C-alpha atoms as a PDB file:
ATOM      1  CA  MET A   1      12.630 -12.408  15.213  1.00  0.00           C
ATOM      2  CA  LEU A   2       9.342 -10.963  14.031  1.00  0.00           C
ATOM      3  CA  LYS A   3       8.784 -10.546  10.287  1.00  0.00           C
ATOM      4  CA  SER A   4       6.156  -8.540   8.485  1.00  0.00           C
ATOM      5  CA  MET A   5       4.282 -10.019   5.530  1.00  0.00           C
ATOM      6  CA  THR A   6       4.762  -6.748   3.652  1.00  0.00           C
ATOM      7  CA  GLY A   7       7.884  -6.712   1.518  1.00  0.00           C
ATOM      8  CA  PHE A   8       9.462  -5.809  -1.802  1.00  0.00           C
ATOM      9  CA  GLY A   9      12.621  -6.844  -3.567  1.00  0.00           C
ATOM     10  CA  SER A  10      14.061  -6.684  -7.056  1.00  0.00           C
ATOM     11  CA  ALA A  11      17.244  -7.875  -8.713  1.00  0.00           C
ATOM     12  CA  THR A  12      18.719  -7.497 -12.197  1.00  0.00           C
ATOM     13  CA  VAL A  13      20.935 -10.043 -13.937  1.00  0.00           C
ATOM     14  CA  GLU A  14      22.974  -8.872 -16.915  1.00  0.00           C
ATOM     15  CA  LEU A  15      24.019 -11.530 -19.443  1.00  0.00           C
ATOM     16  CA  SER A  16      25.709 -11.099 -22.803  1.00  0.00           C
ATOM     17  CA  THR A  17      22.478 -11.897 -24.633  1.00  0.00           C
ATOM     18  CA  LEU A  18      19.780 -10.593 -22.316  1.00  0.00           C
ATOM     19  CA  THR A  19      18.798  -8.693 -19.183  1.00  0.00           C
ATOM     20  CA  ALA A  20      16.613 -10.454 -16.629  1.00  0.00           C
ATOM     21  CA  VAL A  21      14.772  -8.625 -13.845  1.00  0.00           C
ATOM     22  CA  PHE A  22      12.960 -10.265 -10.930  1.00  0.00           C
ATOM     23  CA  GLU A  23      10.458  -8.215  -8.921  1.00  0.00           C
ATOM     24  CA  ILE A  24       8.733  -9.661  -5.851  1.00  0.00           C
ATOM     25  CA  LYS A  25       5.964  -7.947  -3.881  1.00  0.00           C
ATOM     26  CA  THR A  26       4.361  -9.412  -0.757  1.00  0.00           C
ATOM     27  CA  LEU A  27       1.306  -8.355   1.226  1.00  0.00           C
ATOM     28  CA  ASN A  28      -0.545  -9.811   4.189  1.00  0.00           C
ATOM     29  CA  SER A  29      -2.728 -12.866   3.670  1.00  0.00           C
ATOM     30  CA  LYS A  30      -3.975 -15.650   5.913  1.00  0.00           C
ATOM     31  CA  PHE A  31      -2.269 -18.234   3.714  1.00  0.00           C
ATOM     32  CA  LEU A  32       0.403 -18.277   0.999  1.00  0.00           C
ATOM     33  CA  ASP A  33      -1.238 -16.919  -2.150  1.00  0.00           C
ATOM     34  CA  MET A  34       1.097 -16.743  -5.161  1.00  0.00           C
ATOM     35  CA  TYR A  35       0.857 -15.133  -8.575  1.00  0.00           C
ATOM     36  CA  CYS A  36       3.765 -15.585 -10.989  1.00  0.00           C
ATOM     37  CA  ARG A  37       4.179 -13.652 -14.213  1.00  0.00           C
ATOM     38  CA  ILE A  38       6.828 -15.384 -16.315  1.00  0.00           C
ATOM     39  CA  PRO A  39       7.724 -15.098 -20.023  1.00  0.00           C
ATOM     40  CA  LYS A  40       6.464 -17.952 -22.140  1.00  0.00           C
ATOM     41  CA  ASN A  41      10.015 -19.038 -22.984  1.00  0.00           C
ATOM     42  CA  TYR A  42      10.635 -19.756 -19.282  1.00  0.00           C
ATOM     43  CA  SER A  43       7.284 -21.312 -18.417  1.00  0.00           C
ATOM     44  CA  GLU A  44       8.929 -24.686 -17.689  1.00  0.00           C
ATOM     45  CA  ARG A  45      10.715 -22.975 -14.752  1.00  0.00           C
ATOM     46  CA  GLU A  46       7.514 -21.836 -13.053  1.00  0.00           C
ATOM     47  CA  VAL A  47       7.241 -24.888 -10.772  1.00  0.00           C
ATOM     48  CA  GLU A  48      10.824 -24.380  -9.610  1.00  0.00           C
ATOM     49  CA  ILE A  49      10.186 -20.682  -8.990  1.00  0.00           C
ATOM     50  CA  ARG A  50       7.025 -21.449  -7.011  1.00  0.00           C
ATOM     51  CA  ASN A  51       8.822 -24.017  -4.868  1.00  0.00           C
ATOM     52  CA  ILE A  52      11.556 -21.517  -4.022  1.00  0.00           C
ATOM     53  CA  LEU A  53       8.993 -18.842  -3.158  1.00  0.00           C
ATOM     54  CA  THR A  54       7.073 -21.277  -0.934  1.00  0.00           C
ATOM     55  CA  GLN A  55      10.203 -22.250   1.004  1.00  0.00           C
ATOM     56  CA  ARG A  56      11.405 -18.698   1.530  1.00  0.00           C
ATOM     57  CA  LEU A  57       8.243 -16.639   2.034  1.00  0.00           C
ATOM     58  CA  GLU A  58       6.028 -18.961   4.147  1.00  0.00           C
ATOM     59  CA  ARG A  59       2.913 -16.745   4.235  1.00  0.00           C
ATOM     60  CA  GLY A  60       1.412 -13.770   2.439  1.00  0.00           C
ATOM     61  CA  LYS A  61       0.050 -12.682  -0.910  1.00  0.00           C
ATOM     62  CA  VAL A  62       3.013 -12.911  -3.285  1.00  0.00           C
ATOM     63  CA  GLU A  63       3.407 -11.402  -6.743  1.00  0.00           C
ATOM     64  CA  CYS A  64       6.535 -12.471  -8.625  1.00  0.00           C
ATOM     65  CA  THR A  65       7.391 -11.028 -12.029  1.00  0.00           C
ATOM     66  CA  LEU A  66      10.233 -12.077 -14.309  1.00  0.00           C
ATOM     67  CA  THR A  67      10.997  -9.731 -17.178  1.00  0.00           C
ATOM     68  CA  VAL A  68      13.507 -10.812 -19.827  1.00  0.00           C
ATOM     69  CA  GLN A  69      14.702  -8.332 -22.447  1.00  0.00           C
ATOM     70  CA  PRO A  70      17.091  -9.556 -25.179  1.00  0.00           C
ATOM     71  CA  LYS A  71      20.086  -7.449 -26.096  1.00  0.00           C
ATOM     72  CA  ALA A  72      20.770  -6.381 -29.659  1.00  0.00           C
ATOM     73  CA  THR A  73      23.005  -8.804 -31.558  1.00  0.00           C
ATOM     74  CA  ASP A  74      24.215  -9.276 -35.100  1.00  0.00           C
ATOM     75  CA  SER A  75      21.579 -11.919 -35.576  1.00  0.00           C
ATOM     76  CA  SER A  76      19.031 -11.187 -38.253  1.00  0.00           C
ATOM     77  CA  ALA A  77      16.255 -12.473 -36.046  1.00  0.00           C
ATOM     78  CA  SER A  78      13.876  -9.768 -34.853  1.00  0.00           C
ATOM     79  CA  LEU A  79      14.005  -8.950 -31.149  1.00  0.00           C
ATOM     80  CA  ILE A  80      10.434  -7.661 -31.182  1.00  0.00           C
ATOM     81  CA  ASN A  81       7.436  -9.940 -31.462  1.00  0.00           C
ATOM     82  CA  ARG A  82       5.851  -7.738 -34.101  1.00  0.00           C
ATOM     83  CA  PRO A  83       2.584  -9.635 -34.694  1.00  0.00           C
ATOM     84  CA  LEU A  84       1.853  -9.699 -30.971  1.00  0.00           C
ATOM     85  CA  VAL A  85       2.828  -6.048 -30.434  1.00  0.00           C
ATOM     86  CA  LYS A  86       0.585  -5.028 -33.344  1.00  0.00           C
ATOM     87  CA  ALA A  87      -2.295  -6.985 -31.808  1.00  0.00           C
ATOM     88  CA  TYR A  88      -1.695  -5.330 -28.438  1.00  0.00           C
ATOM     89  CA  PHE A  89      -1.546  -1.875 -30.050  1.00  0.00           C
ATOM     90  CA  ARG A  90      -4.729  -2.446 -32.044  1.00  0.00           C
ATOM     91  CA  ASP A  91      -6.598  -3.739 -29.001  1.00  0.00           C
ATOM     92  CA  LEU A  92      -5.473  -0.816 -26.841  1.00  0.00           C
ATOM     93  CA  ARG A  93      -6.493   1.694 -29.513  1.00  0.00           C
ATOM     94  CA  GLU A  94      -9.929   0.128 -30.002  1.00  0.00           C
ATOM     95  CA  THR A  95     -10.520  -0.114 -26.247  1.00  0.00           C
ATOM     96  CA  SER A  96      -9.576   3.521 -25.648  1.00  0.00           C
ATOM     97  CA  GLY A  97     -11.898   4.522 -28.491  1.00  0.00           C
ATOM     98  CA  GLU A  98     -14.823   2.578 -27.040  1.00  0.00           C
ATOM     99  CA  LEU A  99     -14.248   4.221 -23.664  1.00  0.00           C
ATOM    100  CA  ASN A 100     -13.824   7.695 -25.242  1.00  0.00           C
ATOM    101  CA  ILE A 101     -10.353   8.002 -23.767  1.00  0.00           C
ATOM    102  CA  GLU A 102      -7.903  10.200 -25.627  1.00  0.00           C
ATOM    103  CA  ALA A 103      -4.595   8.374 -25.795  1.00  0.00           C
ATOM    104  CA  GLY A 104      -1.638   9.292 -27.981  1.00  0.00           C
ATOM    105  CA  GLN A 105      -0.126   6.831 -30.441  1.00  0.00           C
ATOM    106  CA  THR A 106       3.224   6.985 -28.677  1.00  0.00           C
ATOM    107  CA  GLU A 107       1.670   6.208 -25.307  1.00  0.00           C
ATOM    108  CA  LEU A 108      -0.274   3.256 -26.723  1.00  0.00           C
ATOM    109  CA  PHE A 109       2.867   1.913 -28.382  1.00  0.00           C
ATOM    110  CA  ARG A 110       4.805   2.190 -25.119  1.00  0.00           C
ATOM    111  CA  MET A 111       2.073   0.276 -23.304  1.00  0.00           C
ATOM    112  CA  ALA A 112       2.038  -2.395 -26.014  1.00  0.00           C
ATOM    113  CA  MET A 113       5.806  -2.880 -25.694  1.00  0.00           C
ATOM    114  CA  GLN A 114       5.391  -3.470 -21.955  1.00  0.00           C
ATOM    115  CA  MET A 115       2.883  -6.265 -22.413  1.00  0.00           C
ATOM    116  CA  PRO A 116       3.903  -9.925 -21.879  1.00  0.00           C
ATOM    117  CA  ASN A 117       6.063 -11.582 -24.572  1.00  0.00           C
ATOM    118  CA  ALA A 118       6.467  -8.357 -26.557  1.00  0.00           C
ATOM    119  CA  TYR A 119      10.085  -9.383 -27.098  1.00  0.00           C
ATOM    120  CA  ASN A 120      11.399 -12.538 -28.712  1.00  0.00           C
ATOM    121  CA  ALA A 121      13.830 -13.890 -26.157  1.00  0.00           C
ATOM    122  CA  GLU A 122      16.167 -16.176 -28.054  1.00  0.00           C
ATOM    123  CA  GLN A 123      16.695 -19.433 -26.241  1.00  0.00           C
ATOM    124  CA  PRO A 124      20.057 -21.164 -26.297  1.00  0.00           C
ATOM    125  CA  THR A 125      19.848 -24.220 -28.507  1.00  0.00           C
ATOM    126  CA  ASP A 126      22.394 -26.135 -26.447  1.00  0.00           C
ATOM    127  CA  SER A 127      20.815 -27.617 -23.283  1.00  0.00           C
ATOM    128  CA  ARG A 128      23.983 -27.060 -21.269  1.00  0.00           C
ATOM    129  CA  GLN A 129      24.122 -23.430 -22.323  1.00  0.00           C
ATOM    130  CA  LYS A 130      20.437 -23.091 -21.504  1.00  0.00           C
ATOM    131  CA  ASP A 131      20.960 -24.499 -17.988  1.00  0.00           C
ATOM    132  CA  GLU A 132      23.917 -22.195 -17.375  1.00  0.00           C
ATOM    133  CA  GLU A 133      21.840 -19.225 -18.468  1.00  0.00           C
ATOM    134  CA  TRP A 134      18.992 -20.206 -16.153  1.00  0.00           C
ATOM    135  CA  SER A 135      21.414 -20.726 -13.269  1.00  0.00           C
ATOM    136  CA  LEU A 136      22.457 -17.091 -13.577  1.00  0.00           C
ATOM    137  CA  ILE A 137      18.864 -15.881 -13.921  1.00  0.00           C
ATOM    138  CA  ARG A 138      17.926 -17.983 -10.883  1.00  0.00           C
ATOM    139  CA  SER A 139      20.579 -16.152  -8.850  1.00  0.00           C
ATOM    140  CA  GLY A 140      18.564 -12.997  -9.532  1.00  0.00           C
ATOM    141  CA  LEU A 141      15.537 -14.653  -7.947  1.00  0.00           C
ATOM    142  CA  MET A 142      17.550 -15.493  -4.830  1.00  0.00           C
ATOM    143  CA  SER A 143      18.888 -11.931  -4.601  1.00  0.00           C
ATOM    144  CA  ALA A 144      15.375 -10.505  -4.914  1.00  0.00           C
ATOM    145  CA  LEU A 145      14.200 -12.846  -2.148  1.00  0.00           C
ATOM    146  CA  ASP A 146      17.084 -11.734   0.083  1.00  0.00           C
ATOM    147  CA  ARG A 147      15.946  -8.142  -0.377  1.00  0.00           C
ATOM    148  CA  VAL A 148      12.331  -9.091   0.373  1.00  0.00           C
ATOM    149  CA  ASP A 149      13.501 -10.854   3.528  1.00  0.00           C
ATOM    150  CA  GLY A 150      15.464  -7.783   4.608  1.00  0.00           C
ATOM    151  CA  PHE A 151      12.442  -5.572   3.959  1.00  0.00           C
ATOM    152  CA  ARG A 152      10.227  -7.903   5.997  1.00  0.00           C
ATOM    153  CA  LEU A 153      12.668  -7.951   8.909  1.00  0.00           C
ATOM    154  CA  GLN A 154      12.850  -4.166   8.908  1.00  0.00           C
ATOM    155  CA  GLU A 155       9.062  -3.868   8.892  1.00  0.00           C
ATOM    156  CA  GLY A 156       8.862  -6.579  11.562  1.00  0.00           C
ATOM    157  CA  ALA A 157      11.218  -4.657  13.843  1.00  0.00           C
ATOM    158  CA  LEU A 158       8.991  -1.569  13.573  1.00  0.00           C
ATOM    159  CA  THR A 159       5.925  -3.686  14.321  1.00  0.00           C
ATOM    160  CA  ALA A 160       7.625  -5.284  17.337  1.00  0.00           C
ATOM    161  CA  ALA A 161       8.419  -1.828  18.717  1.00  0.00           C
ATOM    162  CA  LYS A 162       4.750  -0.896  18.371  1.00  0.00           C
ATOM    163  CA  PHE A 163       3.731  -4.105  20.143  1.00  0.00           C
ATOM    164  CA  ARG A 164       5.935  -3.202  23.090  1.00  0.00           C
ATOM    165  CA  GLU A 165       4.331   0.246  23.290  1.00  0.00           C
ATOM    166  CA  TYR A 166       0.825  -1.232  23.294  1.00  0.00           C
ATOM    167  CA  ILE A 167       1.678  -3.891  25.894  1.00  0.00           C
ATOM    168  CA  ALA A 168       3.354  -1.279  28.105  1.00  0.00           C
ATOM    169  CA  GLN A 169       0.220   0.860  27.925  1.00  0.00           C
ATOM    170  CA  ILE A 170      -2.030  -2.074  28.875  1.00  0.00           C
ATOM    171  CA  ASP A 171       0.341  -2.885  31.749  1.00  0.00           C
ATOM    172  CA  LEU A 172       0.148   0.724  32.937  1.00  0.00           C
ATOM    173  CA  LEU A 173      -3.649   0.604  32.812  1.00  0.00           C
ATOM    174  CA  LEU A 174      -3.563  -2.657  34.783  1.00  0.00           C
ATOM    175  CA  THR A 175      -1.546  -0.899  37.498  1.00  0.00           C
ATOM    176  CA  GLN A 176      -4.210   1.806  37.618  1.00  0.00           C
ATOM    177  CA  ILE A 177      -6.916  -0.868  37.901  1.00  0.00           C
ATOM    178  CA  GLN A 178      -5.053  -2.435  40.834  1.00  0.00           C
ATOM    179  CA  GLU A 179      -4.918   0.949  42.553  1.00  0.00           C
ATOM    180  CA  GLN A 180      -8.610   1.566  41.895  1.00  0.00           C
ATOM    181  CA  ASP A 181      -9.446  -1.937  43.100  1.00  0.00           C
ATOM    182  CA  THR A 182      -8.190  -1.082  46.598  1.00  0.00           C
ATOM    183  CA  ARG A 183     -10.649   1.840  46.659  1.00  0.00           C
ATOM    184  CA  ARG A 184     -13.433  -0.253  45.154  1.00  0.00           C
ATOM    185  CA  ILE A 185     -13.354  -2.992  47.814  1.00  0.00           C
ATOM    186  CA  PRO A 186     -14.550  -0.767  50.739  1.00  0.00           C
ATOM    187  CA  ALA A 187     -17.490   0.389  48.621  1.00  0.00           C
ATOM    188  CA  VAL A 188     -18.345  -3.200  47.732  1.00  0.00           C
ATOM    189  CA  ARG A 189     -18.025  -4.216  51.395  1.00  0.00           C
ATOM    190  CA  GLU A 190     -20.379  -1.416  52.429  1.00  0.00           C
ATOM    191  CA  ARG A 191     -22.999  -2.541  49.924  1.00  0.00           C
ATOM    192  CA  LEU A 192     -22.682  -6.137  51.103  1.00  0.00           C
ATOM    193  CA  GLU A 193     -22.997  -5.169  54.753  1.00  0.00           C
ATOM    194  CA  LYS A 194     -26.142  -3.182  54.016  1.00  0.00           C
ATOM    195  CA  ASN A 195     -27.640  -6.101  52.121  1.00  0.00           C
ATOM    196  CA  VAL A 196     -26.710  -8.441  54.968  1.00  0.00           C
ATOM    197  CA  ARG A 197     -28.411  -6.198  57.568  1.00  0.00           C
ATOM    198  CA  ASP A 198     -31.535  -6.009  55.470  1.00  0.00           C
ATOM    199  CA  LEU A 199     -31.505  -9.748  54.976  1.00  0.00           C
ATOM    200  CA  VAL A 200     -30.949 -10.626  58.668  1.00  0.00           C
ATOM    201  CA  SER A 201     -33.718  -8.303  59.791  1.00  0.00           C
ATOM    202  CA  ASN A 202     -36.141 -10.026  57.471  1.00  0.00           C
ATOM    203  CA  ASP A 203     -38.486 -12.502  59.215  1.00  0.00           C
ATOM    204  CA  SER A 204     -37.965 -15.017  56.438  1.00  0.00           C
ATOM    205  CA  PHE A 205     -34.182 -15.051  56.873  1.00  0.00           C
ATOM    206  CA  ASP A 206     -32.677 -18.321  55.627  1.00  0.00           C
ATOM    207  CA  PRO A 207     -29.064 -19.007  56.766  1.00  0.00           C
ATOM    208  CA  ASN A 208     -28.425 -21.394  53.863  1.00  0.00           C
ATOM    209  CA  ARG A 209     -29.679 -18.892  51.334  1.00  0.00           C
ATOM    210  CA  PHE A 210     -27.620 -16.206  53.017  1.00  0.00           C
ATOM    211  CA  GLU A 211     -24.453 -18.312  52.674  1.00  0.00           C
ATOM    212  CA  GLN A 212     -25.145 -18.918  48.985  1.00  0.00           C
ATOM    213  CA  GLU A 213     -25.716 -15.235  48.343  1.00  0.00           C
ATOM    214  CA  LEU A 214     -22.548 -14.292  50.201  1.00  0.00           C
ATOM    215  CA  ILE A 215     -20.436 -16.750  48.177  1.00  0.00           C
ATOM    216  CA  TYR A 216     -22.001 -15.448  44.972  1.00  0.00           C
ATOM    217  CA  TYR A 217     -21.163 -11.832  45.722  1.00  0.00           C
ATOM    218  CA  VAL A 218     -17.637 -12.615  46.854  1.00  0.00           C
ATOM    219  CA  GLU A 219     -16.930 -14.510  43.619  1.00  0.00           C
ATOM    220  CA  ARG A 220     -18.834 -11.996  41.537  1.00  0.00           C
ATOM    221  CA  TYR A 221     -16.782  -8.974  42.578  1.00  0.00           C
ATOM    222  CA  ASP A 222     -13.334 -10.494  43.083  1.00  0.00           C
ATOM    223  CA  ILE A 223     -10.979  -9.826  40.149  1.00  0.00           C
ATOM    224  CA  SER A 224      -7.728 -10.912  41.808  1.00  0.00           C
ATOM    225  CA  GLU A 225      -7.227 -13.986  39.614  1.00  0.00           C
ATOM    226  CA  GLU A 226      -8.020 -12.057  36.422  1.00  0.00           C
ATOM    227  CA  LYS A 227      -5.423  -9.411  37.274  1.00  0.00           C
ATOM    228  CA  VAL A 228      -2.753 -12.063  37.853  1.00  0.00           C
ATOM    229  CA  ARG A 229      -3.576 -13.923  34.640  1.00  0.00           C
ATOM    230  CA  LEU A 230      -3.613 -10.715  32.626  1.00  0.00           C
ATOM    231  CA  LYS A 231      -0.181  -9.773  33.972  1.00  0.00           C
ATOM    232  CA  ASN A 232       1.137 -13.222  33.038  1.00  0.00           C
ATOM    233  CA  HIS A 233      -0.295 -12.970  29.523  1.00  0.00           C
ATOM    234  CA  LEU A 234       1.355  -9.587  28.994  1.00  0.00           C
ATOM    235  CA  GLU A 235       4.709 -10.984  30.055  1.00  0.00           C
ATOM    236  CA  TYR A 236       4.248 -14.057  27.863  1.00  0.00           C
ATOM    237  CA  PHE A 237       3.456 -11.843  24.870  1.00  0.00           C
ATOM    238  CA  LEU A 238       6.758  -9.996  25.286  1.00  0.00           C
ATOM    239  CA  GLU A 239       8.673 -13.259  25.769  1.00  0.00           C
ATOM    240  CA  THR A 240       7.172 -14.637  22.545  1.00  0.00           C
ATOM    241  CA  LEU A 241       7.972 -11.394  20.752  1.00  0.00           C
ATOM    242  CA  ASP A 242      11.650 -11.761  21.673  1.00  0.00           C
ATOM    243  CA  ASP A 243      11.767 -15.429  20.668  1.00  0.00           C
ATOM    244  CA  LYS A 244      13.682 -16.191  17.468  1.00  0.00           C
ATOM    245  CA  ASN A 245      10.678 -18.237  16.282  1.00  0.00           C
ATOM    246  CA  SER A 246       8.212 -15.451  16.967  1.00  0.00           C
ATOM    247  CA  ASN A 247       5.190 -15.531  14.667  1.00  0.00           C
ATOM    248  CA  GLY A 248       1.990 -13.612  14.142  1.00  0.00           C
ATOM    249  CA  LYS A 249      -0.347 -16.562  14.741  1.00  0.00           C
ATOM    250  CA  LYS A 250       0.994 -17.267  18.218  1.00  0.00           C
ATOM    251  CA  LEU A 251       0.951 -13.588  19.141  1.00  0.00           C
ATOM    252  CA  ASN A 252      -2.657 -13.394  17.980  1.00  0.00           C
ATOM    253  CA  PHE A 253      -3.592 -16.361  20.190  1.00  0.00           C
ATOM    254  CA  ILE A 254      -2.004 -14.675  23.210  1.00  0.00           C
ATOM    255  CA  ALA A 255      -3.813 -11.433  22.346  1.00  0.00           C
ATOM    256  CA  GLN A 256      -7.111 -13.340  22.437  1.00  0.00           C
ATOM    257  CA  GLU A 257      -6.297 -14.586  25.942  1.00  0.00           C
ATOM    258  CA  ILE A 258      -5.439 -11.039  26.996  1.00  0.00           C
ATOM    259  CA  GLY A 259      -8.815  -9.941  25.659  1.00  0.00           C
ATOM    260  CA  ARG A 260     -10.668 -12.576  27.683  1.00  0.00           C
ATOM    261  CA  GLU A 261      -9.119 -11.392  30.944  1.00  0.00           C
ATOM    262  CA  ILE A 262      -9.799  -7.739  30.138  1.00  0.00           C
ATOM    263  CA  ASN A 263     -13.454  -8.512  29.356  1.00  0.00           C
ATOM    264  CA  THR A 264     -13.855 -10.486  32.602  1.00  0.00           C
ATOM    265  CA  ILE A 265     -12.345  -7.675  34.664  1.00  0.00           C
ATOM    266  CA  GLY A 266     -14.752  -5.226  33.063  1.00  0.00           C
ATOM    267  CA  SER A 267     -17.800  -7.387  33.709  1.00  0.00           C
ATOM    268  CA  LYS A 268     -16.894  -8.331  37.306  1.00  0.00           C
ATOM    269  CA  ALA A 269     -15.523  -5.045  38.594  1.00  0.00           C
ATOM    270  CA  ASN A 270     -18.905  -3.262  38.781  1.00  0.00           C
ATOM    271  CA  ASP A 271     -16.964  -0.005  39.031  1.00  0.00           C
ATOM    272  CA  SER A 272     -17.224   2.882  36.565  1.00  0.00           C
ATOM    273  CA  ALA A 273     -13.572   3.961  36.974  1.00  0.00           C
ATOM    274  CA  ILE A 274     -12.291   0.437  36.268  1.00  0.00           C
ATOM    275  CA  GLN A 275     -14.630   0.049  33.312  1.00  0.00           C
ATOM    276  CA  ARG A 276     -13.226   3.216  31.755  1.00  0.00           C
ATOM    277  CA  LEU A 277      -9.725   1.783  32.130  1.00  0.00           C
ATOM    278  CA  VAL A 278     -10.933  -1.467  30.565  1.00  0.00           C
ATOM    279  CA  VAL A 279     -12.197   0.449  27.529  1.00  0.00           C
ATOM    280  CA  GLN A 280      -8.732   1.973  27.083  1.00  0.00           C
ATOM    281  CA  MET A 281      -7.187  -1.503  27.396  1.00  0.00           C
ATOM    282  CA  LYS A 282      -9.479  -2.800  24.649  1.00  0.00           C
ATOM    283  CA  ASP A 283      -8.443   0.061  22.391  1.00  0.00           C
ATOM    284  CA  GLU A 284      -4.759  -0.857  22.777  1.00  0.00           C
ATOM    285  CA  LEU A 285      -5.550  -4.548  22.294  1.00  0.00           C
ATOM    286  CA  GLU A 286      -7.349  -3.876  18.992  1.00  0.00           C
ATOM    287  CA  LYS A 287      -4.192  -2.203  17.697  1.00  0.00           C
ATOM    288  CA  ILE A 288      -2.231  -5.349  18.606  1.00  0.00           C
ATOM    289  CA  LYS A 289      -4.702  -7.649  16.858  1.00  0.00           C
ATOM    290  CA  GLU A 290      -4.586  -5.559  13.690  1.00  0.00           C
ATOM    291  CA  GLN A 291      -0.791  -5.699  13.603  1.00  0.00           C
ATOM    292  CA  THR A 292      -0.602  -9.450  14.256  1.00  0.00           C
ATOM    293  CA  MET A 293      -2.557 -10.010  11.033  1.00  0.00           C
ATOM    294  CA  ASN A 294       0.433  -8.625   9.100  1.00  0.00           C
ATOM    295  CA  ALA A 295       3.084 -10.645  10.935  1.00  0.00           C
ATOM    296  CA  ILE A 296       4.396 -13.961   9.618  1.00  0.00           C
END
């Protein structure tokens, strides 16, 4: 089933000591390009997070953010990383001043509190407790990925529907080309017969040269094979689209083959009506190629 590379998913995990939120955004990219934003206290989990993302998301530009906010407890330890927040606030104020931007103190403070590591997330001192806590936070990552996957499938279904529309339109245009081809052949035959009469009446008539010219024109104007191959490629595209292992790369390869046949028909037909239909085919094909770039 076709999947889009565009997706979004978030999940929140509530623990007695903290609230953890995973947010994952994905966009189209030729390869898997990941950016992870993780609190310093959980930096040792980054490799694990990246491995999970690689296994589940396959391709695309991925942005994963983990936000951990401690809950108020009776502990005397401060929940706010005051030195860092002060540094953030001072830097924001100085930057806004240099840029002549009027920003209120409250707004700057809110921005400072949203910066990385603005909170002191207390880590469990017991390793077992720490692992149990991470196991629960990790479940949030899996839930967020499930939502991303659902989003991608939904977008992929919409893209697949568009593909079918474009292929159906190309197929319709191919039918029109076949109809026009039956009208084109008499005109081509008339031109050939005229050229043959002129050639035979010439004193320097060469039978061997005549045979070569005749073969050239017959091959030059015949588009029967191209029409058959194009029809087969269109059918193969739809079969691949319905395959459970459907992917954007394969669909793009088939689209390239479709394009080759369309171009050959346009160059060999030597008919203005067919060439206009070919232009319309190319327009539909470009839409397909654009969409395959966003399919996994």
